[in-house]
Structure formats: structure tokens, C-alpha cells
Amino acid sequence: MFIPGIIVGALKSGRTVGDGITDLTYYNCPWEQIAYAFEGGYGPDVVIFNKVVGWIINVIWVVGASVVAIVFINSRS
């Protein structure tokens, strides 16, 4: 999310590159998105993705990480 954060920060009006990095690596982090959902809110206003896009990215992130872990563990046995 670091590289996309640089791009989003540079392109989004009213945001700096540093803001974009923080937005995408912290506020838009899949684990933070899940925490916001469990708290009943959606987090601060700096969230770049809307709720639907955020959840799609979360699912891809978790499934992708699971697949990588399974492939890694399977390759070592």
C-alpha cells in the first residue's frame, strides 16, 4: 500500500504524498477497516475507499495472504 499511497497522495486534491501514504497504509489497512466495521463506524473521513471497495480489498487481502501461506507451507513439506 506504500506505492499506491504515494500515487494517491500525489493525485488527490487537498492531500500530500505523506497523507496518501498514511491513508493507505493505516486508515485503509484491511485490519483497520475490519476494526472500524466491528466498532460500528467507518473510521475517519480520510478513508479513501468507500465501504464496498474497502471490503472487496479486505477479502482479496485475506484470501491472498491465506493462499500464499498455504503455498509456502505446502512447498516446505
Protein backbone atom coordinates (compact mmCIF):
# COMPACT_ATOMS: atom_id res chain seq x y z
CA MET A 1 0.00 0.00 0.00
CA PHE A 2 3.07 2.26 0.21
CA ILE A 3 3.50 2.77 -3.54
CA PRO A 4 -0.24 3.25 -4.20
CA GLY A 5 -0.26 5.68 -1.24
CA ILE A 6 2.38 7.81 -2.93
CA ILE A 7 0.33 7.86 -6.14
CA VAL A 8 -2.99 8.62 -4.42
CA GLY A 9 -1.42 11.31 -2.26
CA ALA A 10 0.09 12.97 -5.29
CA LEU A 11 -3.12 12.84 -7.33
CA LYS A 12 -5.85 13.52 -4.77
CA SER A 13 -6.55 17.20 -4.26
CA GLY A 14 -6.06 18.50 -0.75
CA ARG A 15 -3.76 15.60 0.20
CA THR A 16 0.02 15.36 0.26
CA VAL A 17 2.15 12.34 -0.60
CA GLY A 18 2.65 11.76 3.14
CA ASP A 19 -1.11 11.93 3.69
CA GLY A 20 -1.66 9.40 0.91
CA ILE A 21 0.85 7.00 2.43
CA THR A 22 -0.76 7.32 5.87
CA ASP A 23 -4.26 6.98 4.43
CA LEU A 24 -3.49 3.79 2.53
CA THR A 25 -1.10 2.13 4.97
CA TYR A 26 -3.06 2.88 8.14
CA TYR A 27 -6.63 4.09 7.73
CA ASN A 28 -7.33 1.93 4.66
CA CYS A 29 -5.40 -1.07 6.01
CA PRO A 30 -7.64 -4.17 5.81
CA TRP A 31 -7.27 -4.82 9.55
CA GLU A 32 -8.28 -1.23 10.36
CA GLN A 33 -11.26 -1.50 8.03
CA ILE A 34 -12.41 -4.63 9.86
CA ALA A 35 -11.92 -2.88 13.23
CA TYR A 36 -13.97 0.11 12.06
CA ALA A 37 -16.76 -2.24 10.97
CA PHE A 38 -16.81 -4.02 14.33
CA GLU A 39 -16.86 -0.69 16.17
CA GLY A 40 -19.98 0.23 14.22
CA GLY A 41 -18.40 3.14 12.39
CA TYR A 42 -16.38 3.52 9.27
CA GLY A 43 -13.38 5.36 10.61
CA PRO A 44 -12.13 8.86 9.97
CA ASP A 45 -13.00 10.99 6.97
CA VAL A 46 -9.62 10.37 5.38
CA VAL A 47 -10.61 6.85 4.32
CA ILE A 48 -10.02 6.83 0.58
CA PHE A 49 -12.06 3.79 -0.33
CA ASN A 50 -15.79 3.65 0.22
CA LYS A 51 -17.19 0.80 2.31
CA VAL A 52 -17.84 -1.59 -0.60
CA VAL A 53 -14.41 -1.14 -2.18
CA GLY A 54 -12.80 -1.43 1.26
CA TRP A 55 -14.47 -4.78 1.92
CA ILE A 56 -13.57 -6.10 -1.54
CA ILE A 57 -9.93 -5.21 -0.88
CA ASN A 58 -10.17 -6.83 2.57
CA VAL A 59 -11.45 -10.09 1.14
CA ILE A 60 -8.79 -10.14 -1.58
CA TRP A 61 -6.10 -9.30 1.01
CA VAL A 62 -7.12 -12.04 3.47
CA VAL A 63 -7.72 -14.72 0.81
CA GLY A 64 -4.48 -13.80 -0.96
CA ALA A 65 -2.47 -13.95 2.27
CA SER A 66 -4.05 -17.30 3.11
CA VAL A 67 -3.21 -18.71 -0.31
CA VAL A 68 0.40 -17.51 -0.06
CA ALA A 69 0.71 -19.05 3.41
CA ILE A 70 -0.75 -22.37 2.23
CA VAL A 71 1.52 -22.49 -0.82
CA PHE A 72 4.56 -21.63 1.31
CA ILE A 73 3.78 -24.26 3.93
CA ASN A 74 2.97 -26.85 1.25
CA SER A 75 6.24 -26.15 -0.58
CA ARG A 76 8.25 -26.81 2.58
CA SER A 77 6.74 -30.25 3.22
